[in-house]
Amino acid sequence: MSRLPPLPQSDMSPEQQQVAQDISAGTRGSYIGGPFEVWLRSPIMADRAQKLGEFLRYKTSLPARLTELAILVTARIWTAQFEWQTHEGFALNSGLSKAVVNDLRLGLNPNFELADEALVYTFCLELYNTKTISGPTYASAMSMFGERGLVELVGLLGYYAMISMTLNVFDVETPGDRRPLPIIEG
């Protein structure tokens, strides 16, 4: 059970109702749950975050397959159950292989067939584990994705880390009855 109770529309302030309406009218569709229900407690933050998220998820220069890979790596790093379950299907539908998704789920290093996927994975792990990026990884990422793509990738990782923290701190319930991510020690 989530640490915060559901926020019925009848209990929302006019500002919260406006942000909820804006989220529902956007690219994501009518679902207001997950981090958004938490963020609505701070309507200005919710508004800014959802607009940034819409850009990072749907409008960057990165292909959806790489965006979803970065999201799954982030969800796996944080063991963010809700985020994993929300994005696993999107990742598969975007062209990420079932083998890669399954390896990520189990905390294994996937065997990537595509160089751009291998680089995104390496970049994500290096940034999360060392809090920086080495010269060679930076040069490879800059060469493959360019300035814009690299800035957007870093923004994507930061945004989904914020989502993962929100989901974990507020113990947001996962949708449906899908298989939970296994907890990986160490």
N, C-alpha and C. Protein backbone atom coordinates (compact mmCIF):
# COMPACT_ATOMS: atom_id res chain seq x y z
N MET A 1 0.84 -1.18 0.00
CA MET A 1 0.00 0.00 0.00
C MET A 1 0.88 1.25 0.00
N SER A 2 0.51 2.21 -0.82
CA SER A 2 1.27 3.45 -0.92
C SER A 2 1.26 4.21 0.40
N ARG A 3 2.35 4.92 0.66
CA ARG A 3 2.43 5.72 1.89
C ARG A 3 1.54 6.95 1.84
N LEU A 4 1.13 7.36 0.66
CA LEU A 4 0.20 8.48 0.53
C LEU A 4 -1.14 7.93 0.03
N PRO A 5 -2.23 8.40 0.61
CA PRO A 5 -3.53 7.92 0.15
C PRO A 5 -3.83 8.45 -1.25
N PRO A 6 -4.72 7.79 -1.98
CA PRO A 6 -5.13 8.33 -3.28
C PRO A 6 -5.63 9.76 -3.12
N LEU A 7 -5.48 10.53 -4.17
CA LEU A 7 -5.88 11.93 -4.16
C LEU A 7 -7.08 12.09 -5.10
N PRO A 8 -8.29 11.95 -4.55
CA PRO A 8 -9.48 12.08 -5.41
C PRO A 8 -9.58 13.49 -5.99
N GLN A 9 -10.09 13.59 -7.18
CA GLN A 9 -10.22 14.89 -7.83
C GLN A 9 -11.04 15.85 -6.97
N SER A 10 -12.01 15.34 -6.25
CA SER A 10 -12.86 16.20 -5.42
C SER A 10 -12.08 16.84 -4.26
N ASP A 11 -10.94 16.24 -3.91
CA ASP A 11 -10.10 16.79 -2.84
C ASP A 11 -8.96 17.67 -3.36
N MET A 12 -8.83 17.77 -4.67
CA MET A 12 -7.74 18.54 -5.25
C MET A 12 -8.04 20.03 -5.24
N SER A 13 -6.99 20.81 -5.05
CA SER A 13 -7.10 22.27 -5.19
C SER A 13 -7.29 22.58 -6.67
N PRO A 14 -7.71 23.80 -6.98
CA PRO A 14 -7.82 24.17 -8.41
C PRO A 14 -6.49 23.99 -9.16
N GLU A 15 -5.36 24.30 -8.50
CA GLU A 15 -4.06 24.13 -9.15
C GLU A 15 -3.78 22.66 -9.43
N GLN A 16 -4.08 21.80 -8.46
CA GLN A 16 -3.87 20.36 -8.66
C GLN A 16 -4.77 19.84 -9.78
N GLN A 17 -6.03 20.30 -9.82
CA GLN A 17 -6.95 19.87 -10.86
C GLN A 17 -6.46 20.28 -12.24
N GLN A 18 -5.89 21.48 -12.34
CA GLN A 18 -5.38 21.95 -13.63
C GLN A 18 -4.20 21.11 -14.10
N VAL A 19 -3.28 20.81 -13.19
CA VAL A 19 -2.12 20.00 -13.55
C VAL A 19 -2.58 18.59 -13.94
N ALA A 20 -3.49 18.01 -13.17
CA ALA A 20 -4.01 16.68 -13.49
C ALA A 20 -4.66 16.68 -14.87
N GLN A 21 -5.40 17.73 -15.17
CA GLN A 21 -6.03 17.85 -16.49
C GLN A 21 -4.98 17.97 -17.59
N ASP A 22 -3.93 18.75 -17.35
CA ASP A 22 -2.86 18.90 -18.34
C ASP A 22 -2.15 17.57 -18.59
N ILE A 23 -1.90 16.81 -17.53
CA ILE A 23 -1.25 15.50 -17.68
C ILE A 23 -2.15 14.58 -18.51
N SER A 24 -3.44 14.56 -18.17
CA SER A 24 -4.39 13.69 -18.88
C SER A 24 -4.54 14.06 -20.35
N ALA A 25 -4.40 15.33 -20.66
CA ALA A 25 -4.56 15.79 -22.04
C ALA A 25 -3.29 15.62 -22.86
N GLY A 26 -2.18 15.25 -22.20
CA GLY A 26 -0.90 15.14 -22.90
C GLY A 26 -0.71 13.80 -23.58
N THR A 27 0.51 13.55 -23.99
CA THR A 27 0.88 12.36 -24.74
C THR A 27 0.66 11.07 -23.97
N ARG A 28 0.73 11.12 -22.64
CA ARG A 28 0.61 9.92 -21.82
C ARG A 28 -0.80 9.35 -21.76
N GLY A 29 -1.79 10.16 -22.07
CA GLY A 29 -3.17 9.71 -21.96
C GLY A 29 -3.77 10.10 -20.63
N SER A 30 -4.86 9.46 -20.27
CA SER A 30 -5.65 9.91 -19.13
C SER A 30 -5.22 9.36 -17.78
N TYR A 31 -4.20 8.55 -17.72
CA TYR A 31 -3.81 7.93 -16.46
C TYR A 31 -3.03 8.90 -15.57
N ILE A 32 -3.53 9.13 -14.37
CA ILE A 32 -2.82 9.95 -13.39
C ILE A 32 -2.50 9.02 -12.22
N GLY A 33 -1.34 8.47 -12.22
CA GLY A 33 -0.93 7.57 -11.15
C GLY A 33 0.57 7.61 -11.03
N GLY A 34 1.13 6.59 -10.40
CA GLY A 34 2.57 6.51 -10.26
C GLY A 34 3.13 7.76 -9.61
N PRO A 35 4.20 8.31 -10.17
CA PRO A 35 4.81 9.48 -9.55
C PRO A 35 3.91 10.71 -9.62
N PHE A 36 3.03 10.78 -10.62
CA PHE A 36 2.21 11.98 -10.78
C PHE A 36 1.27 12.19 -9.60
N GLU A 37 0.70 11.12 -9.10
CA GLU A 37 -0.20 11.26 -7.95
C GLU A 37 0.56 11.78 -6.73
N VAL A 38 1.81 11.37 -6.59
CA VAL A 38 2.65 11.89 -5.50
C VAL A 38 2.98 13.36 -5.77
N TRP A 39 3.45 13.64 -6.97
CA TRP A 39 3.89 14.99 -7.30
C TRP A 39 2.77 16.02 -7.23
N LEU A 40 1.53 15.58 -7.44
CA LEU A 40 0.41 16.53 -7.39
C LEU A 40 0.29 17.20 -6.02
N ARG A 41 0.92 16.63 -5.00
CA ARG A 41 0.94 17.29 -3.69
C ARG A 41 1.69 18.62 -3.77
N SER A 42 2.52 18.77 -4.78
CA SER A 42 3.21 20.02 -5.07
C SER A 42 2.90 20.37 -6.53
N PRO A 43 1.78 21.06 -6.79
CA PRO A 43 1.32 21.23 -8.17
C PRO A 43 2.33 21.88 -9.12
N ILE A 44 3.08 22.86 -8.64
CA ILE A 44 4.06 23.50 -9.53
C ILE A 44 5.14 22.50 -9.90
N MET A 45 5.65 21.75 -8.93
CA MET A 45 6.64 20.71 -9.23
C MET A 45 6.06 19.68 -10.19
N ALA A 46 4.83 19.24 -9.94
CA ALA A 46 4.19 18.25 -10.81
C ALA A 46 4.10 18.75 -12.24
N ASP A 47 3.72 20.02 -12.39
CA ASP A 47 3.58 20.60 -13.71
C ASP A 47 4.92 20.65 -14.44
N ARG A 48 5.94 21.15 -13.76
CA ARG A 48 7.27 21.25 -14.39
C ARG A 48 7.82 19.86 -14.71
N ALA A 49 7.67 18.93 -13.77
CA ALA A 49 8.23 17.58 -13.96
C ALA A 49 7.52 16.85 -15.09
N GLN A 50 6.20 16.95 -15.16
CA GLN A 50 5.50 16.21 -16.21
C GLN A 50 5.82 16.77 -17.59
N LYS A 51 6.04 18.08 -17.69
CA LYS A 51 6.41 18.66 -18.99
C LYS A 51 7.81 18.21 -19.40
N LEU A 52 8.73 18.21 -18.44
CA LEU A 52 10.08 17.71 -18.74
C LEU A 52 10.02 16.24 -19.14
N GLY A 53 9.26 15.46 -18.39
CA GLY A 53 9.14 14.03 -18.69
C GLY A 53 8.54 13.76 -20.05
N GLU A 54 7.54 14.54 -20.43
CA GLU A 54 6.94 14.36 -21.75
C GLU A 54 7.98 14.60 -22.84
N PHE A 55 8.78 15.65 -22.68
CA PHE A 55 9.84 15.91 -23.65
C PHE A 55 10.85 14.76 -23.68
N LEU A 56 11.35 14.37 -22.50
CA LEU A 56 12.40 13.36 -22.43
C LEU A 56 11.93 11.99 -22.93
N ARG A 57 10.69 11.68 -22.74
CA ARG A 57 10.19 10.37 -23.16
C ARG A 57 9.82 10.33 -24.63
N TYR A 58 9.27 11.41 -25.15
CA TYR A 58 8.68 11.36 -26.49
C TYR A 58 9.33 12.25 -27.54
N LYS A 59 10.16 13.21 -27.15
CA LYS A 59 10.57 14.22 -28.12
C LYS A 59 12.07 14.46 -28.22
N THR A 60 12.89 13.59 -27.66
CA THR A 60 14.33 13.79 -27.77
C THR A 60 14.83 13.30 -29.13
N SER A 61 16.08 13.50 -29.39
CA SER A 61 16.70 13.02 -30.63
C SER A 61 17.03 11.53 -30.56
N LEU A 62 16.89 10.92 -29.38
CA LEU A 62 17.20 9.50 -29.23
C LEU A 62 16.03 8.65 -29.70
N PRO A 63 16.30 7.52 -30.35
CA PRO A 63 15.19 6.64 -30.71
C PRO A 63 14.53 6.05 -29.46
N ALA A 64 13.25 5.74 -29.57
CA ALA A 64 12.48 5.21 -28.44
C ALA A 64 13.15 3.97 -27.83
N ARG A 65 13.76 3.16 -28.64
CA ARG A 65 14.43 1.94 -28.16
C ARG A 65 15.52 2.28 -27.15
N LEU A 66 16.29 3.33 -27.42
CA LEU A 66 17.36 3.73 -26.50
C LEU A 66 16.81 4.45 -25.28
N THR A 67 15.76 5.24 -25.47
CA THR A 67 15.10 5.89 -24.33
C THR A 67 14.58 4.83 -23.37
N GLU A 68 13.89 3.84 -23.90
CA GLU A 68 13.33 2.79 -23.04
C GLU A 68 14.43 1.95 -22.38
N LEU A 69 15.53 1.74 -23.07
CA LEU A 69 16.66 1.02 -22.47
C LEU A 69 17.18 1.80 -21.27
N ALA A 70 17.38 3.10 -21.43
CA ALA A 70 17.88 3.93 -20.32
C ALA A 70 16.89 3.93 -19.16
N ILE A 71 15.60 3.95 -19.47
CA ILE A 71 14.58 3.90 -18.41
C ILE A 71 14.63 2.57 -17.67
N LEU A 72 14.75 1.47 -18.41
CA LEU A 72 14.81 0.15 -17.75
C LEU A 72 16.07 0.00 -16.91
N VAL A 73 17.20 0.48 -17.41
CA VAL A 73 18.43 0.41 -16.61
C VAL A 73 18.25 1.19 -15.32
N THR A 74 17.64 2.36 -15.41
CA THR A 74 17.40 3.17 -14.22
C THR A 74 16.46 2.46 -13.26
N ALA A 75 15.38 1.92 -13.78
CA ALA A 75 14.43 1.19 -12.93
C ALA A 75 15.12 0.00 -12.26
N ARG A 76 16.00 -0.67 -12.98
CA ARG A 76 16.71 -1.83 -12.42
C ARG A 76 17.69 -1.38 -11.34
N ILE A 77 18.44 -0.31 -11.60
CA ILE A 77 19.40 0.20 -10.61
C ILE A 77 18.69 0.53 -9.30
N TRP A 78 17.52 1.16 -9.41
CA TRP A 78 16.77 1.60 -8.23
C TRP A 78 15.78 0.53 -7.73
N THR A 79 15.67 -0.59 -8.42
CA THR A 79 14.64 -1.60 -8.14
C THR A 79 13.29 -0.89 -7.99
N ALA A 80 12.98 -0.08 -8.97
CA ALA A 80 11.72 0.67 -9.01
C ALA A 80 10.68 -0.19 -9.72
N GLN A 81 9.95 -0.93 -8.91
CA GLN A 81 8.99 -1.91 -9.43
C GLN A 81 7.97 -1.28 -10.38
N PHE A 82 7.36 -0.19 -9.95
CA PHE A 82 6.33 0.46 -10.76
C PHE A 82 6.90 0.87 -12.11
N GLU A 83 8.06 1.50 -12.10
CA GLU A 83 8.65 2.00 -13.35
C GLU A 83 9.02 0.84 -14.27
N TRP A 84 9.57 -0.22 -13.71
CA TRP A 84 9.91 -1.39 -14.53
C TRP A 84 8.65 -1.94 -15.19
N GLN A 85 7.63 -2.16 -14.39
CA GLN A 85 6.41 -2.77 -14.92
C GLN A 85 5.71 -1.87 -15.93
N THR A 86 5.82 -0.58 -15.75
CA THR A 86 5.22 0.36 -16.69
C THR A 86 5.98 0.35 -18.02
N HIS A 87 7.31 0.23 -17.98
CA HIS A 87 8.12 0.41 -19.19
C HIS A 87 8.60 -0.87 -19.85
N GLU A 88 8.47 -2.01 -19.21
CA GLU A 88 8.93 -3.26 -19.83
C GLU A 88 8.26 -3.49 -21.18
N GLY A 89 6.95 -3.35 -21.24
CA GLY A 89 6.22 -3.53 -22.51
C GLY A 89 6.58 -2.47 -23.53
N PHE A 90 6.74 -1.22 -23.08
CA PHE A 90 7.14 -0.16 -24.01
C PHE A 90 8.50 -0.47 -24.62
N ALA A 91 9.42 -0.99 -23.80
CA ALA A 91 10.76 -1.33 -24.28
C ALA A 91 10.69 -2.40 -25.36
N LEU A 92 9.92 -3.42 -25.11
CA LEU A 92 9.78 -4.50 -26.09
C LEU A 92 9.12 -3.98 -27.37
N ASN A 93 8.09 -3.16 -27.22
CA ASN A 93 7.39 -2.61 -28.39
C ASN A 93 8.26 -1.63 -29.18
N SER A 94 9.26 -1.04 -28.52
CA SER A 94 10.14 -0.08 -29.21
C SER A 94 11.26 -0.78 -29.98
N GLY A 95 11.39 -2.10 -29.80
CA GLY A 95 12.41 -2.84 -30.54
C GLY A 95 13.53 -3.40 -29.70
N LEU A 96 13.51 -3.17 -28.41
CA LEU A 96 14.52 -3.78 -27.54
C LEU A 96 14.22 -5.27 -27.46
N SER A 97 15.26 -6.10 -27.57
CA SER A 97 15.02 -7.54 -27.63
C SER A 97 14.56 -8.11 -26.29
N LYS A 98 13.80 -9.17 -26.38
CA LYS A 98 13.31 -9.85 -25.18
C LYS A 98 14.47 -10.36 -24.34
N ALA A 99 15.54 -10.82 -24.98
CA ALA A 99 16.71 -11.32 -24.24
C ALA A 99 17.37 -10.20 -23.44
N VAL A 100 17.50 -9.02 -24.03
CA VAL A 100 18.10 -7.88 -23.33
C VAL A 100 17.22 -7.49 -22.15
N VAL A 101 15.92 -7.39 -22.37
CA VAL A 101 15.00 -7.01 -21.29
C VAL A 101 15.06 -8.03 -20.16
N ASN A 102 15.06 -9.30 -20.50
CA ASN A 102 15.11 -10.34 -19.47
C ASN A 102 16.42 -10.30 -18.69
N ASP A 103 17.55 -10.11 -19.38
CA ASP A 103 18.84 -10.01 -18.68
C ASP A 103 18.85 -8.82 -17.73
N LEU A 104 18.35 -7.68 -18.18
CA LEU A 104 18.28 -6.51 -17.31
C LEU A 104 17.43 -6.81 -16.08
N ARG A 105 16.29 -7.44 -16.30
CA ARG A 105 15.38 -7.79 -15.21
C ARG A 105 16.08 -8.61 -14.14
N LEU A 106 16.93 -9.53 -14.58
CA LEU A 106 17.62 -10.42 -13.65
C LEU A 106 18.92 -9.83 -13.12
N GLY A 107 19.27 -8.64 -13.56
CA GLY A 107 20.50 -7.99 -13.10
C GLY A 107 21.75 -8.53 -13.78
N LEU A 108 21.57 -9.11 -14.96
CA LEU A 108 22.69 -9.65 -15.73
C LEU A 108 23.14 -8.62 -16.77
N ASN A 109 24.38 -8.73 -17.22
CA ASN A 109 24.86 -7.87 -18.30
C ASN A 109 24.38 -8.45 -19.63
N PRO A 110 23.53 -7.73 -20.33
CA PRO A 110 23.01 -8.25 -21.60
C PRO A 110 24.09 -8.38 -22.66
N ASN A 111 23.85 -9.26 -23.60
CA ASN A 111 24.69 -9.41 -24.78
C ASN A 111 24.03 -8.60 -25.89
N PHE A 112 24.48 -7.39 -26.09
CA PHE A 112 23.86 -6.50 -27.06
C PHE A 112 24.34 -6.81 -28.47
N GLU A 113 23.42 -6.80 -29.41
CA GLU A 113 23.76 -6.96 -30.81
C GLU A 113 24.00 -5.61 -31.48
N LEU A 114 23.45 -4.55 -30.90
CA LEU A 114 23.56 -3.22 -31.49
C LEU A 114 24.50 -2.35 -30.66
N ALA A 115 25.41 -1.67 -31.35
CA ALA A 115 26.43 -0.85 -30.69
C ALA A 115 25.82 0.30 -29.90
N ASP A 116 24.74 0.91 -30.41
CA ASP A 116 24.15 2.04 -29.69
C ASP A 116 23.53 1.59 -28.36
N GLU A 117 22.94 0.40 -28.34
CA GLU A 117 22.38 -0.13 -27.09
C GLU A 117 23.49 -0.44 -26.08
N ALA A 118 24.55 -1.05 -26.57
CA ALA A 118 25.68 -1.37 -25.67
C ALA A 118 26.26 -0.10 -25.08
N LEU A 119 26.36 0.96 -25.88
CA LEU A 119 26.91 2.22 -25.39
C LEU A 119 25.98 2.87 -24.37
N VAL A 120 24.68 2.88 -24.62
CA VAL A 120 23.74 3.45 -23.64
C VAL A 120 23.84 2.69 -22.33
N TYR A 121 23.89 1.38 -22.40
CA TYR A 121 24.00 0.56 -21.18
C TYR A 121 25.29 0.88 -20.42
N THR A 122 26.41 0.91 -21.13
CA THR A 122 27.70 1.23 -20.51
C THR A 122 27.66 2.62 -19.89
N PHE A 123 27.12 3.58 -20.62
CA PHE A 123 27.03 4.96 -20.14
C PHE A 123 26.20 5.02 -18.85
N CYS A 124 25.04 4.38 -18.87
CA CYS A 124 24.16 4.39 -17.70
C CYS A 124 24.85 3.79 -16.48
N LEU A 125 25.42 2.61 -16.65
CA LEU A 125 26.06 1.96 -15.50
C LEU A 125 27.25 2.77 -14.99
N GLU A 126 28.04 3.29 -15.91
CA GLU A 126 29.21 4.07 -15.49
C GLU A 126 28.78 5.32 -14.72
N LEU A 127 27.79 6.01 -15.21
CA LEU A 127 27.33 7.21 -14.52
C LEU A 127 26.73 6.88 -13.16
N TYR A 128 25.88 5.88 -13.10
CA TYR A 128 25.26 5.52 -11.82
C TYR A 128 26.28 4.96 -10.82
N ASN A 129 27.24 4.19 -11.30
CA ASN A 129 28.19 3.54 -10.39
C ASN A 129 29.36 4.43 -9.98
N THR A 130 29.83 5.29 -10.88
CA THR A 130 31.01 6.10 -10.56
C THR A 130 30.68 7.58 -10.36
N LYS A 131 29.45 7.97 -10.69
CA LYS A 131 28.98 9.36 -10.58
C LYS A 131 29.63 10.30 -11.59
N THR A 132 30.30 9.72 -12.59
CA THR A 132 30.89 10.51 -13.67
C THR A 132 31.04 9.61 -14.89
N ILE A 133 31.62 10.15 -15.94
CA ILE A 133 31.86 9.40 -17.18
C ILE A 133 33.33 9.56 -17.56
N SER A 134 33.96 8.45 -17.86
CA SER A 134 35.37 8.47 -18.26
C SER A 134 35.53 9.14 -19.62
N GLY A 135 36.74 9.54 -19.91
CA GLY A 135 37.05 10.16 -21.20
C GLY A 135 36.66 9.28 -22.38
N PRO A 136 37.06 8.00 -22.38
CA PRO A 136 36.70 7.16 -23.52
C PRO A 136 35.19 6.96 -23.71
N THR A 137 34.46 6.79 -22.61
CA THR A 137 33.00 6.62 -22.72
C THR A 137 32.37 7.92 -23.21
N TYR A 138 32.85 9.04 -22.69
CA TYR A 138 32.34 10.35 -23.13
C TYR A 138 32.57 10.53 -24.64
N ALA A 139 33.79 10.24 -25.08
CA ALA A 139 34.11 10.41 -26.50
C ALA A 139 33.23 9.51 -27.37
N SER A 140 33.05 8.28 -26.96
CA SER A 140 32.19 7.36 -27.73
C SER A 140 30.76 7.84 -27.78
N ALA A 141 30.23 8.29 -26.64
CA ALA A 141 28.85 8.76 -26.58
C ALA A 141 28.67 10.04 -27.38
N MET A 142 29.64 10.94 -27.29
CA MET A 142 29.56 12.19 -28.06
C MET A 142 29.59 11.90 -29.55
N SER A 143 30.44 10.96 -29.95
CA SER A 143 30.54 10.59 -31.36
C SER A 143 29.24 9.96 -31.86
N MET A 144 28.64 9.10 -31.04
CA MET A 144 27.45 8.38 -31.48
C MET A 144 26.18 9.23 -31.39
N PHE A 145 26.03 10.03 -30.34
CA PHE A 145 24.77 10.73 -30.10
C PHE A 145 24.83 12.23 -30.32
N GLY A 146 26.04 12.80 -30.41
CA GLY A 146 26.19 14.23 -30.57
C GLY A 146 25.88 14.98 -29.27
N GLU A 147 26.13 16.27 -29.29
CA GLU A 147 25.92 17.08 -28.09
C GLU A 147 24.48 17.01 -27.60
N ARG A 148 23.55 17.23 -28.51
CA ARG A 148 22.13 17.24 -28.12
C ARG A 148 21.72 15.89 -27.54
N GLY A 149 22.05 14.82 -28.22
CA GLY A 149 21.65 13.50 -27.76
C GLY A 149 22.26 13.15 -26.41
N LEU A 150 23.50 13.54 -26.21
CA LEU A 150 24.17 13.24 -24.95
C LEU A 150 23.56 14.05 -23.80
N VAL A 151 23.29 15.32 -24.04
CA VAL A 151 22.62 16.13 -23.02
C VAL A 151 21.25 15.54 -22.69
N GLU A 152 20.52 15.11 -23.70
CA GLU A 152 19.20 14.53 -23.48
C GLU A 152 19.28 13.20 -22.74
N LEU A 153 20.29 12.39 -23.03
CA LEU A 153 20.47 11.12 -22.32
C LEU A 153 20.72 11.37 -20.83
N VAL A 154 21.58 12.32 -20.51
CA VAL A 154 21.86 12.63 -19.11
C VAL A 154 20.58 13.15 -18.43
N GLY A 155 19.84 14.01 -19.11
CA GLY A 155 18.58 14.50 -18.57
C GLY A 155 17.59 13.38 -18.33
N LEU A 156 17.51 12.46 -19.26
CA LEU A 156 16.61 11.30 -19.14
C LEU A 156 16.96 10.47 -17.91
N LEU A 157 18.25 10.22 -17.71
CA LEU A 157 18.67 9.43 -16.55
C LEU A 157 18.35 10.15 -15.24
N GLY A 158 18.57 11.45 -15.20
CA GLY A 158 18.25 12.21 -14.00
C GLY A 158 16.76 12.22 -13.71
N TYR A 159 15.96 12.40 -14.75
CA TYR A 159 14.51 12.43 -14.58
C TYR A 159 13.99 11.10 -14.07
N TYR A 160 14.45 10.00 -14.67
CA TYR A 160 13.93 8.70 -14.25
C TYR A 160 14.52 8.24 -12.92
N ALA A 161 15.67 8.77 -12.54
CA ALA A 161 16.16 8.54 -11.17
C ALA A 161 15.24 9.25 -10.19
N MET A 162 14.80 10.47 -10.52
CA MET A 162 13.86 11.19 -9.67
C MET A 162 12.53 10.43 -9.56
N ILE A 163 12.06 9.91 -10.67
CA ILE A 163 10.83 9.10 -10.64
C ILE A 163 11.04 7.89 -9.75
N SER A 164 12.14 7.19 -9.93
CA SER A 164 12.41 5.98 -9.14
C SER A 164 12.48 6.29 -7.65
N MET A 165 13.13 7.39 -7.30
CA MET A 165 13.20 7.79 -5.89
C MET A 165 11.79 8.08 -5.35
N THR A 166 10.99 8.78 -6.13
CA THR A 166 9.63 9.10 -5.71
C THR A 166 8.83 7.82 -5.48
N LEU A 167 8.91 6.91 -6.42
CA LEU A 167 8.16 5.65 -6.31
C LEU A 167 8.59 4.84 -5.10
N ASN A 168 9.90 4.79 -4.87
CA ASN A 168 10.42 3.99 -3.75
C ASN A 168 10.15 4.63 -2.40
N VAL A 169 10.35 5.94 -2.28
CA VAL A 169 10.14 6.62 -1.00
C VAL A 169 8.67 6.55 -0.59
N PHE A 170 7.77 6.75 -1.54
CA PHE A 170 6.35 6.78 -1.22
C PHE A 170 5.68 5.42 -1.41
N ASP A 171 6.50 4.40 -1.71
CA ASP A 171 6.03 3.01 -1.81
C ASP A 171 4.79 2.91 -2.71
N VAL A 172 4.90 3.53 -3.89
CA VAL A 172 3.78 3.56 -4.82
C VAL A 172 3.51 2.14 -5.32
N GLU A 173 2.25 1.75 -5.24
CA GLU A 173 1.86 0.40 -5.63
C GLU A 173 2.08 0.19 -7.13
N THR A 174 2.51 -1.03 -7.46
CA THR A 174 2.73 -1.37 -8.86
C THR A 174 1.40 -1.72 -9.52
N PRO A 175 1.28 -1.40 -10.80
CA PRO A 175 0.04 -1.69 -11.50
C PRO A 175 -0.09 -3.18 -11.81
N GLY A 176 -1.28 -3.69 -11.72
CA GLY A 176 -1.55 -5.07 -12.11
C GLY A 176 -0.86 -6.09 -11.23
N ASP A 177 -0.78 -7.29 -11.75
CA ASP A 177 -0.18 -8.39 -10.99
C ASP A 177 0.98 -9.02 -11.74
N ARG A 178 1.78 -8.17 -12.37
CA ARG A 178 2.93 -8.67 -13.13
C ARG A 178 4.05 -9.12 -12.19
N ARG A 179 4.99 -9.87 -12.77
CA ARG A 179 6.13 -10.36 -11.97
C ARG A 179 6.95 -9.19 -11.45
N PRO A 180 7.19 -9.16 -10.15
CA PRO A 180 8.03 -8.08 -9.62
C PRO A 180 9.50 -8.30 -9.98
N LEU A 181 10.24 -7.20 -10.00
CA LEU A 181 11.70 -7.29 -10.19
C LEU A 181 12.29 -8.03 -8.99
N PRO A 182 13.21 -8.94 -9.25
CA PRO A 182 13.89 -9.56 -8.10
C PRO A 182 14.82 -8.55 -7.42
N ILE A 183 14.94 -8.67 -6.12
CA ILE A 183 15.85 -7.82 -5.37
C ILE A 183 17.25 -8.38 -5.58
N ILE A 184 18.19 -7.52 -5.97
CA ILE A 184 19.57 -7.95 -6.21
C ILE A 184 20.44 -7.36 -5.11
N GLU A 185 21.10 -8.20 -4.38
CA GLU A 185 21.97 -7.76 -3.29
C GLU A 185 23.31 -7.29 -3.85
N GLY A 186 23.89 -6.29 -3.16
CA GLY A 186 25.24 -5.86 -3.52
C GLY A 186 25.23 -4.80 -4.46
